[in-house]
């Protein structure tokens, strides 16, 4: 696949989208998928893709970009020794199973409006907890390997249905278990890779048998968008990671909460339209 036949304006739009989401990926540990989806949906719809399929292709393509963004972000956080690899190893098996179940199975027939409404409420609640809740109990700790695998399964499954890297669930969960916010953000970034890998494989399998709605589509993936956004986001993600470590805990919590409110508002809008 090349970009020779892609309009220059489309390449510019996708590059700007990649720059914005790449910075957010480094800053907050999120993959940026949920930020990309509304923009990619419009881009695909403008090119004649049906509205229902455009949303699914946008979600799948956004998730696939996280494969590359998470690696860049992960390297930046790892240089500071902030990633808890024991947690990544504990959650990864569940993430793989949950992601495959979502991408290859449920994703094709799930009711998107009901799901978006549920997540709007869930993410809004999580944002409020991040912003206003008191400090977690000192005795609260992360669960053992079995509990972490179960949480990972939920993260992988839910992320696959909305095209997110999983940090919007993982980071609040880890901070509620007394993991420092900088470690939670860094670990959330590292978890983005197994989330994206499992779900992207599922999207390709789930969409393999359907006719390609556009040239350079693979399953539910739109490859030109994947290429441009991935290149732009990988270049910018380390800048976001450096910015995250320059902020204090309260600032990072507020930024993360505002981001979650924005995501909740977007999902609410999608559920009502």
C-alpha atoms as a PDB file:
ATOM      1  CA  UNK A   1       0.000   0.000   0.000  1.00  0.00           C
ATOM      2  CA  UNK A   2       1.312   3.470  -0.960  1.00  0.00           C
ATOM      3  CA  UNK A   3       0.017   6.983  -0.434  1.00  0.00           C
ATOM      4  CA  UNK A   4       0.507   7.959  -4.070  1.00  0.00           C
ATOM      5  CA  UNK A   5      -3.213   8.030  -4.844  1.00  0.00           C
ATOM      6  CA  UNK A   6      -4.338   9.719  -1.606  1.00  0.00           C
ATOM      7  CA  UNK A   7      -5.374  13.388  -1.772  1.00  0.00           C
ATOM      8  CA  UNK A   8      -2.837  15.782  -0.209  1.00  0.00           C
ATOM      9  CA  UNK A   9      -5.564  17.426   1.910  1.00  0.00           C
ATOM     10  CA  UNK A  10      -6.511  14.053   3.386  1.00  0.00           C
ATOM     11  CA  UNK A  11      -2.856  13.338   4.213  1.00  0.00           C
ATOM     12  CA  UNK A  12      -2.605  16.732   5.968  1.00  0.00           C
ATOM     13  CA  UNK A  13      -5.805  16.110   7.978  1.00  0.00           C
ATOM     14  CA  UNK A  14      -4.600  12.677   9.042  1.00  0.00           C
ATOM     15  CA  UNK A  15      -1.151  14.016   9.962  1.00  0.00           C
ATOM     16  CA  UNK A  16      -2.648  16.734  12.193  1.00  0.00           C
ATOM     17  CA  UNK A  17      -4.872  14.135  13.833  1.00  0.00           C
ATOM     18  CA  UNK A  18      -1.823  11.940  14.439  1.00  0.00           C
ATOM     19  CA  UNK A  19       0.122  14.820  15.996  1.00  0.00           C
ATOM     20  CA  UNK A  20      -2.688  15.626  18.428  1.00  0.00           C
ATOM     21  CA  UNK A  21      -3.360  12.057  19.473  1.00  0.00           C
ATOM     22  CA  UNK A  22       0.338  11.219  19.701  1.00  0.00           C
ATOM     23  CA  UNK A  23       0.906  14.046  22.176  1.00  0.00           C
ATOM     24  CA  UNK A  24      -2.072  12.925  24.272  1.00  0.00           C
ATOM     25  CA  UNK A  25      -0.792   9.343  24.191  1.00  0.00           C
ATOM     26  CA  UNK A  26       2.503  10.416  25.726  1.00  0.00           C
ATOM     27  CA  UNK A  27       0.952  12.870  28.175  1.00  0.00           C
ATOM     28  CA  UNK A  28      -1.821  10.673  29.567  1.00  0.00           C
ATOM     29  CA  UNK A  29      -0.846   7.131  28.608  1.00  0.00           C
ATOM     30  CA  UNK A  30      -3.926   6.822  26.390  1.00  0.00           C
ATOM     31  CA  UNK A  31      -3.687   5.437  22.887  1.00  0.00           C
ATOM     32  CA  UNK A  32      -5.747   8.272  21.451  1.00  0.00           C
ATOM     33  CA  UNK A  33      -8.192   5.930  19.712  1.00  0.00           C
ATOM     34  CA  UNK A  34     -11.316   7.463  21.180  1.00  0.00           C
ATOM     35  CA  UNK A  35     -10.147  10.910  20.089  1.00  0.00           C
ATOM     36  CA  UNK A  36      -9.577   9.726  16.509  1.00  0.00           C
ATOM     37  CA  UNK A  37     -12.875   7.914  16.012  1.00  0.00           C
ATOM     38  CA  UNK A  38     -15.193  10.906  15.410  1.00  0.00           C
ATOM     39  CA  UNK A  39     -12.767  12.453  12.909  1.00  0.00           C
ATOM     40  CA  UNK A  40     -12.094   9.206  11.067  1.00  0.00           C
ATOM     41  CA  UNK A  41     -15.821   8.459  10.924  1.00  0.00           C
ATOM     42  CA  UNK A  42     -16.451  11.752   9.120  1.00  0.00           C
ATOM     43  CA  UNK A  43     -13.527  11.199   6.749  1.00  0.00           C
ATOM     44  CA  UNK A  44     -14.770   7.732   5.789  1.00  0.00           C
ATOM     45  CA  UNK A  45     -18.407   8.842   5.490  1.00  0.00           C
ATOM     46  CA  UNK A  46     -17.336  11.648   3.139  1.00  0.00           C
ATOM     47  CA  UNK A  47     -15.830   8.964   0.909  1.00  0.00           C
ATOM     48  CA  UNK A  48     -19.071   7.048   0.564  1.00  0.00           C
ATOM     49  CA  UNK A  49     -18.780   4.500   3.371  1.00  0.00           C
ATOM     50  CA  UNK A  50     -22.117   3.787   5.080  1.00  0.00           C
ATOM     51  CA  UNK A  51     -22.495   5.357   8.511  1.00  0.00           C
ATOM     52  CA  UNK A  52     -22.579   2.053  10.429  1.00  0.00           C
ATOM     53  CA  UNK A  53     -19.514   0.672   8.642  1.00  0.00           C
ATOM     54  CA  UNK A  54     -17.681   4.016   8.853  1.00  0.00           C
ATOM     55  CA  UNK A  55     -17.879   3.933  12.660  1.00  0.00           C
ATOM     56  CA  UNK A  56     -16.574   0.359  12.791  1.00  0.00           C
ATOM     57  CA  UNK A  57     -13.732   1.111  10.363  1.00  0.00           C
ATOM     58  CA  UNK A  58     -12.829   4.244  12.339  1.00  0.00           C
ATOM     59  CA  UNK A  59     -12.721   2.287  15.606  1.00  0.00           C
ATOM     60  CA  UNK A  60     -10.614  -0.508  14.089  1.00  0.00           C
ATOM     61  CA  UNK A  61      -8.189   1.860  12.347  1.00  0.00           C
ATOM     62  CA  UNK A  62      -7.797   4.001  15.454  1.00  0.00           C
ATOM     63  CA  UNK A  63      -7.017   0.918  17.515  1.00  0.00           C
ATOM     64  CA  UNK A  64      -4.407  -0.251  14.997  1.00  0.00           C
ATOM     65  CA  UNK A  65      -2.531   3.067  15.256  1.00  0.00           C
ATOM     66  CA  UNK A  66      -2.108   2.397  18.986  1.00  0.00           C
ATOM     67  CA  UNK A  67       0.239  -0.472  18.087  1.00  0.00           C
ATOM     68  CA  UNK A  68       2.778   2.116  16.968  1.00  0.00           C
ATOM     69  CA  UNK A  69       1.963   4.982  19.320  1.00  0.00           C
ATOM     70  CA  UNK A  70       2.169   2.772  22.403  1.00  0.00           C
ATOM     71  CA  UNK A  71       5.639   1.551  21.457  1.00  0.00           C
ATOM     72  CA  UNK A  72       6.934   5.103  21.089  1.00  0.00           C
ATOM     73  CA  UNK A  73       5.280   6.231  24.320  1.00  0.00           C
ATOM     74  CA  UNK A  74       6.461   3.125  26.146  1.00  0.00           C
ATOM     75  CA  UNK A  75      10.095   3.810  25.259  1.00  0.00           C
ATOM     76  CA  UNK A  76       9.842   7.381  26.535  1.00  0.00           C
ATOM     77  CA  UNK A  77       8.351   6.295  29.884  1.00  0.00           C
ATOM     78  CA  UNK A  78      10.751   3.360  30.219  1.00  0.00           C
ATOM     79  CA  UNK A  79      13.732   5.709  30.062  1.00  0.00           C
ATOM     80  CA  UNK A  80      12.455   7.143  33.352  1.00  0.00           C
ATOM     81  CA  UNK A  81      11.850   3.712  34.862  1.00  0.00           C
ATOM     82  CA  UNK A  82       8.166   4.492  35.420  1.00  0.00           C
ATOM     83  CA  UNK A  83       6.533   1.370  33.929  1.00  0.00           C
ATOM     84  CA  UNK A  84       5.430  -1.393  36.310  1.00  0.00           C
ATOM     85  CA  UNK A  85       6.191  -4.403  34.142  1.00  0.00           C
ATOM     86  CA  UNK A  86       4.870  -6.814  36.773  1.00  0.00           C
ATOM     87  CA  UNK A  87       1.414  -5.284  36.281  1.00  0.00           C
ATOM     88  CA  UNK A  88       1.750  -5.427  32.496  1.00  0.00           C
ATOM     89  CA  UNK A  89       2.611  -9.137  32.703  1.00  0.00           C
ATOM     90  CA  UNK A  90      -0.286  -9.757  35.076  1.00  0.00           C
ATOM     91  CA  UNK A  91      -2.904  -8.109  32.857  1.00  0.00           C
ATOM     92  CA  UNK A  92      -1.606  -9.097  29.397  1.00  0.00           C
ATOM     93  CA  UNK A  93      -3.127 -12.648  29.231  1.00  0.00           C
ATOM     94  CA  UNK A  94      -6.603 -11.341  30.059  1.00  0.00           C
ATOM     95  CA  UNK A  95      -6.176  -8.451  27.641  1.00  0.00           C
ATOM     96  CA  UNK A  96      -5.367 -10.871  24.803  1.00  0.00           C
ATOM     97  CA  UNK A  97      -8.445 -13.007  25.413  1.00  0.00           C
ATOM     98  CA  UNK A  98     -10.778 -10.057  25.934  1.00  0.00           C
ATOM     99  CA  UNK A  99      -9.475  -8.195  22.894  1.00  0.00           C
ATOM    100  CA  UNK A 100      -9.859 -11.175  20.563  1.00  0.00           C
ATOM    101  CA  UNK A 101     -13.377 -11.820  21.852  1.00  0.00           C
ATOM    102  CA  UNK A 102     -14.366  -8.224  21.161  1.00  0.00           C
ATOM    103  CA  UNK A 103     -12.613  -7.705  17.829  1.00  0.00           C
ATOM    104  CA  UNK A 104     -13.364 -11.028  16.174  1.00  0.00           C
ATOM    105  CA  UNK A 105     -16.813 -11.648  17.676  1.00  0.00           C
ATOM    106  CA  UNK A 106     -18.992  -9.098  19.434  1.00  0.00           C
ATOM    107  CA  UNK A 107     -17.725  -6.066  17.501  1.00  0.00           C
ATOM    108  CA  UNK A 108     -19.536  -7.024  14.312  1.00  0.00           C
ATOM    109  CA  UNK A 109     -23.057  -7.028  15.749  1.00  0.00           C
ATOM    110  CA  UNK A 110     -23.019  -4.977  18.982  1.00  0.00           C
ATOM    111  CA  UNK A 111     -25.534  -2.123  19.318  1.00  0.00           C
ATOM    112  CA  UNK A 112     -23.272   0.911  19.133  1.00  0.00           C
ATOM    113  CA  UNK A 113     -25.768   3.453  20.483  1.00  0.00           C
ATOM    114  CA  UNK A 114     -26.509   1.562  23.687  1.00  0.00           C
ATOM    115  CA  UNK A 115     -22.823   0.862  24.230  1.00  0.00           C
ATOM    116  CA  UNK A 116     -21.858   4.509  23.718  1.00  0.00           C
ATOM    117  CA  UNK A 117     -24.518   5.636  26.217  1.00  0.00           C
ATOM    118  CA  UNK A 118     -23.265   3.191  28.843  1.00  0.00           C
ATOM    119  CA  UNK A 119     -19.673   4.271  28.387  1.00  0.00           C
ATOM    120  CA  UNK A 120     -20.570   7.943  28.533  1.00  0.00           C
ATOM    121  CA  UNK A 121     -21.973   7.360  32.021  1.00  0.00           C
ATOM    122  CA  UNK A 122     -19.081   5.104  33.065  1.00  0.00           C
ATOM    123  CA  UNK A 123     -16.312   7.414  31.847  1.00  0.00           C
ATOM    124  CA  UNK A 124     -18.040  10.483  33.307  1.00  0.00           C
ATOM    125  CA  UNK A 125     -18.211   8.751  36.688  1.00  0.00           C
ATOM    126  CA  UNK A 126     -14.552   7.772  36.452  1.00  0.00           C
ATOM    127  CA  UNK A 127     -13.557  11.357  35.613  1.00  0.00           C
ATOM    128  CA  UNK A 128     -15.459  12.655  38.638  1.00  0.00           C
ATOM    129  CA  UNK A 129     -13.711  10.123  40.862  1.00  0.00           C
ATOM    130  CA  UNK A 130     -10.317  11.201  39.499  1.00  0.00           C
ATOM    131  CA  UNK A 131     -11.102  14.888  40.001  1.00  0.00           C
ATOM    132  CA  UNK A 132     -12.968  15.050  43.303  1.00  0.00           C
ATOM    133  CA  UNK A 133     -12.637  11.796  45.200  1.00  0.00           C
ATOM    134  CA  UNK A 134     -10.534  11.655  48.332  1.00  0.00           C
ATOM    135  CA  UNK A 135      -7.339   9.659  48.421  1.00  0.00           C
ATOM    136  CA  UNK A 136      -7.824   5.883  48.286  1.00  0.00           C
ATOM    137  CA  UNK A 137      -7.521   3.887  51.469  1.00  0.00           C
ATOM    138  CA  UNK A 138      -3.926   3.191  52.378  1.00  0.00           C
ATOM    139  CA  UNK A 139      -4.721  -0.529  52.610  1.00  0.00           C
ATOM    140  CA  UNK A 140      -6.066  -0.766  49.054  1.00  0.00           C
ATOM    141  CA  UNK A 141      -3.636  -2.641  46.812  1.00  0.00           C
ATOM    142  CA  UNK A 142      -3.648  -4.139  43.341  1.00  0.00           C
ATOM    143  CA  UNK A 143      -5.123  -7.664  43.174  1.00  0.00           C
ATOM    144  CA  UNK A 144      -2.974 -10.734  42.589  1.00  0.00           C
ATOM    145  CA  UNK A 145      -2.179 -12.286  39.216  1.00  0.00           C
ATOM    146  CA  UNK A 146      -5.635 -13.833  38.822  1.00  0.00           C
ATOM    147  CA  UNK A 147      -7.381 -10.568  39.641  1.00  0.00           C
ATOM    148  CA  UNK A 148      -5.092  -8.625  37.323  1.00  0.00           C
ATOM    149  CA  UNK A 149      -5.798 -11.065  34.474  1.00  0.00           C
ATOM    150  CA  UNK A 150      -9.553 -10.625  35.050  1.00  0.00           C
ATOM    151  CA  UNK A 151      -9.222  -6.835  35.005  1.00  0.00           C
ATOM    152  CA  UNK A 152      -7.111  -7.159  31.857  1.00  0.00           C
ATOM    153  CA  UNK A 153      -9.861  -9.223  30.219  1.00  0.00           C
ATOM    154  CA  UNK A 154     -12.370  -6.459  30.888  1.00  0.00           C
ATOM    155  CA  UNK A 155      -9.976  -3.804  29.608  1.00  0.00           C
ATOM    156  CA  UNK A 156      -9.248  -5.723  26.400  1.00  0.00           C
ATOM    157  CA  UNK A 157     -12.909  -6.461  25.723  1.00  0.00           C
ATOM    158  CA  UNK A 158     -14.285  -2.991  26.448  1.00  0.00           C
ATOM    159  CA  UNK A 159     -11.431  -1.255  24.642  1.00  0.00           C
ATOM    160  CA  UNK A 160     -12.098  -3.313  21.536  1.00  0.00           C
ATOM    161  CA  UNK A 161     -15.705  -2.185  21.408  1.00  0.00           C
ATOM    162  CA  UNK A 162     -14.905   1.540  21.532  1.00  0.00           C
ATOM    163  CA  UNK A 163     -11.459   1.720  19.885  1.00  0.00           C
ATOM    164  CA  UNK A 164      -9.544   2.870  22.971  1.00  0.00           C
ATOM    165  CA  UNK A 165      -6.171   1.744  24.229  1.00  0.00           C
ATOM    166  CA  UNK A 166      -7.500   0.810  27.670  1.00  0.00           C
ATOM    167  CA  UNK A 167      -5.814   3.503  29.756  1.00  0.00           C
ATOM    168  CA  UNK A 168      -9.146   5.248  30.342  1.00  0.00           C
ATOM    169  CA  UNK A 169      -9.990   2.239  32.535  1.00  0.00           C
ATOM    170  CA  UNK A 170      -6.547   1.061  33.593  1.00  0.00           C
ATOM    171  CA  UNK A 171      -5.140   4.378  34.869  1.00  0.00           C
ATOM    172  CA  UNK A 172      -8.057   5.211  37.223  1.00  0.00           C
ATOM    173  CA  UNK A 173      -8.097   1.585  38.407  1.00  0.00           C
ATOM    174  CA  UNK A 174      -4.380   1.627  39.228  1.00  0.00           C
ATOM    175  CA  UNK A 175      -4.521   5.007  40.996  1.00  0.00           C
ATOM    176  CA  UNK A 176      -7.437   3.760  43.112  1.00  0.00           C
ATOM    177  CA  UNK A 177      -5.133   0.903  44.135  1.00  0.00           C
ATOM    178  CA  UNK A 178      -2.538   3.409  45.379  1.00  0.00           C
ATOM    179  CA  UNK A 179      -0.224   3.268  42.378  1.00  0.00           C
ATOM    180  CA  UNK A 180       1.333   6.732  41.897  1.00  0.00           C
ATOM    181  CA  UNK A 181      -0.192   8.623  38.963  1.00  0.00           C
ATOM    182  CA  UNK A 182       3.062   8.829  36.993  1.00  0.00           C
ATOM    183  CA  UNK A 183       3.525   5.056  37.251  1.00  0.00           C
ATOM    184  CA  UNK A 184      -0.125   4.487  36.384  1.00  0.00           C
ATOM    185  CA  UNK A 185       0.123   6.635  33.236  1.00  0.00           C
ATOM    186  CA  UNK A 186       3.363   4.933  32.158  1.00  0.00           C
ATOM    187  CA  UNK A 187       1.973   1.448  32.819  1.00  0.00           C
ATOM    188  CA  UNK A 188      -1.255   2.360  31.014  1.00  0.00           C
ATOM    189  CA  UNK A 189       0.833   3.323  27.989  1.00  0.00           C
ATOM    190  CA  UNK A 190       2.611  -0.038  28.062  1.00  0.00           C
ATOM    191  CA  UNK A 191      -0.715  -1.884  28.318  1.00  0.00           C
ATOM    192  CA  UNK A 192      -1.818  -0.147  25.126  1.00  0.00           C
ATOM    193  CA  UNK A 193       0.321  -2.464  22.986  1.00  0.00           C
ATOM    194  CA  UNK A 194      -1.234  -5.840  23.979  1.00  0.00           C
ATOM    195  CA  UNK A 195      -4.689  -4.199  23.874  1.00  0.00           C
ATOM    196  CA  UNK A 196      -4.080  -2.956  20.327  1.00  0.00           C
ATOM    197  CA  UNK A 197      -2.413  -6.170  19.140  1.00  0.00           C
ATOM    198  CA  UNK A 198      -5.253  -8.451  20.271  1.00  0.00           C
ATOM    199  CA  UNK A 199      -8.037  -6.203  19.025  1.00  0.00           C
ATOM    200  CA  UNK A 200      -6.399  -5.414  15.672  1.00  0.00           C
ATOM    201  CA  UNK A 201      -6.024  -9.137  14.993  1.00  0.00           C
ATOM    202  CA  UNK A 202      -9.683  -9.546  15.867  1.00  0.00           C
ATOM    203  CA  UNK A 203     -10.771  -6.713  13.554  1.00  0.00           C
ATOM    204  CA  UNK A 204      -8.892  -8.227  10.605  1.00  0.00           C
ATOM    205  CA  UNK A 205     -10.409 -11.660  11.267  1.00  0.00           C
ATOM    206  CA  UNK A 206     -13.909 -10.269  11.857  1.00  0.00           C
ATOM    207  CA  UNK A 207     -13.938  -8.101   8.728  1.00  0.00           C
ATOM    208  CA  UNK A 208     -12.049 -10.444   6.403  1.00  0.00           C
ATOM    209  CA  UNK A 209     -15.104 -11.826   4.594  1.00  0.00           C
ATOM    210  CA  UNK A 210     -16.823  -8.514   3.868  1.00  0.00           C
ATOM    211  CA  UNK A 211     -16.266  -6.615   0.588  1.00  0.00           C
ATOM    212  CA  UNK A 212     -13.715  -3.787   0.892  1.00  0.00           C
ATOM    213  CA  UNK A 213     -15.681  -0.480   0.941  1.00  0.00           C
ATOM    214  CA  UNK A 214     -12.588   1.509  -0.129  1.00  0.00           C
ATOM    215  CA  UNK A 215      -9.303   0.783  -1.890  1.00  0.00           C
ATOM    216  CA  UNK A 216      -6.555  -0.137   0.575  1.00  0.00           C
ATOM    217  CA  UNK A 217      -8.992  -1.458   3.185  1.00  0.00           C
ATOM    218  CA  UNK A 218      -8.062  -4.659   5.050  1.00  0.00           C
ATOM    219  CA  UNK A 219     -10.934  -6.088   7.029  1.00  0.00           C
ATOM    220  CA  UNK A 220     -12.193  -3.153   9.078  1.00  0.00           C
ATOM    221  CA  UNK A 221      -8.854  -1.302   8.728  1.00  0.00           C
ATOM    222  CA  UNK A 222      -8.334   1.703   6.406  1.00  0.00           C
ATOM    223  CA  UNK A 223      -4.610   1.443   5.677  1.00  0.00           C
ATOM    224  CA  UNK A 224      -3.853   5.006   4.394  1.00  0.00           C
ATOM    225  CA  UNK A 225      -5.206   6.503   7.633  1.00  0.00           C
ATOM    226  CA  UNK A 226      -3.293   3.935   9.686  1.00  0.00           C
ATOM    227  CA  UNK A 227      -0.031   4.771   7.899  1.00  0.00           C
ATOM    228  CA  UNK A 228      -0.202   8.578   8.172  1.00  0.00           C
ATOM    229  CA  UNK A 229      -1.559   8.755  11.721  1.00  0.00           C
ATOM    230  CA  UNK A 230       0.930   6.179  13.004  1.00  0.00           C
ATOM    231  CA  UNK A 231       3.911   8.026  11.520  1.00  0.00           C
ATOM    232  CA  UNK A 232       2.832  11.399  12.916  1.00  0.00           C
ATOM    233  CA  UNK A 233       1.866  10.133  16.364  1.00  0.00           C
ATOM    234  CA  UNK A 234       5.063   8.137  16.873  1.00  0.00           C
ATOM    235  CA  UNK A 235       7.136  11.275  16.296  1.00  0.00           C
ATOM    236  CA  UNK A 236       5.176  13.376  18.818  1.00  0.00           C
ATOM    237  CA  UNK A 237       4.414  10.851  21.580  1.00  0.00           C
ATOM    238  CA  UNK A 238       7.816  11.224  23.339  1.00  0.00           C
ATOM    239  CA  UNK A 239       7.169  14.974  23.713  1.00  0.00           C
ATOM    240  CA  UNK A 240       3.918  14.208  25.532  1.00  0.00           C
ATOM    241  CA  UNK A 241       5.706  11.728  27.800  1.00  0.00           C
ATOM    242  CA  UNK A 242       8.352  14.312  28.754  1.00  0.00           C
ATOM    243  CA  UNK A 243       5.596  16.827  29.489  1.00  0.00           C
ATOM    244  CA  UNK A 244       3.822  14.313  31.754  1.00  0.00           C
ATOM    245  CA  UNK A 245       6.898  13.864  33.950  1.00  0.00           C
ATOM    246  CA  UNK A 246       7.304  17.652  34.223  1.00  0.00           C
ATOM    247  CA  UNK A 247       3.816  18.070  35.732  1.00  0.00           C
ATOM    248  CA  UNK A 248       2.919  17.462  39.362  1.00  0.00           C
ATOM    249  CA  UNK A 249       0.389  14.827  40.404  1.00  0.00           C
ATOM    250  CA  UNK A 250      -2.558  17.202  40.838  1.00  0.00           C
ATOM    251  CA  UNK A 251      -2.060  18.765  37.411  1.00  0.00           C
ATOM    252  CA  UNK A 252      -1.869  15.362  35.751  1.00  0.00           C
ATOM    253  CA  UNK A 253      -5.011  14.169  37.543  1.00  0.00           C
ATOM    254  CA  UNK A 254      -6.921  17.269  36.397  1.00  0.00           C
ATOM    255  CA  UNK A 255      -5.767  16.890  32.803  1.00  0.00           C
ATOM    256  CA  UNK A 256      -6.722  13.223  32.798  1.00  0.00           C
ATOM    257  CA  UNK A 257     -10.141  14.008  34.298  1.00  0.00           C
ATOM    258  CA  UNK A 258     -10.850  16.726  31.717  1.00  0.00           C
ATOM    259  CA  UNK A 259      -9.843  14.315  28.966  1.00  0.00           C
ATOM    260  CA  UNK A 260     -12.230  11.694  30.336  1.00  0.00           C
ATOM    261  CA  UNK A 261     -15.075  14.243  30.448  1.00  0.00           C
ATOM    262  CA  UNK A 262     -14.400  15.097  26.803  1.00  0.00           C
ATOM    263  CA  UNK A 263     -14.501  11.420  25.870  1.00  0.00           C
ATOM    264  CA  UNK A 264     -17.731  10.946  27.817  1.00  0.00           C
ATOM    265  CA  UNK A 265     -19.307  13.917  26.027  1.00  0.00           C
ATOM    266  CA  UNK A 266     -18.276  12.525  22.652  1.00  0.00           C
ATOM    267  CA  UNK A 267     -19.712   9.096  23.425  1.00  0.00           C
ATOM    268  CA  UNK A 268     -22.940  10.644  24.706  1.00  0.00           C
ATOM    269  CA  UNK A 269     -23.266  12.609  21.461  1.00  0.00           C
ATOM    270  CA  UNK A 270     -22.712   9.458  19.427  1.00  0.00           C
ATOM    271  CA  UNK A 271     -25.312   7.551  21.450  1.00  0.00           C
ATOM    272  CA  UNK A 272     -27.973  10.190  20.757  1.00  0.00           C
ATOM    273  CA  UNK A 273     -27.297  10.658  17.022  1.00  0.00           C
END
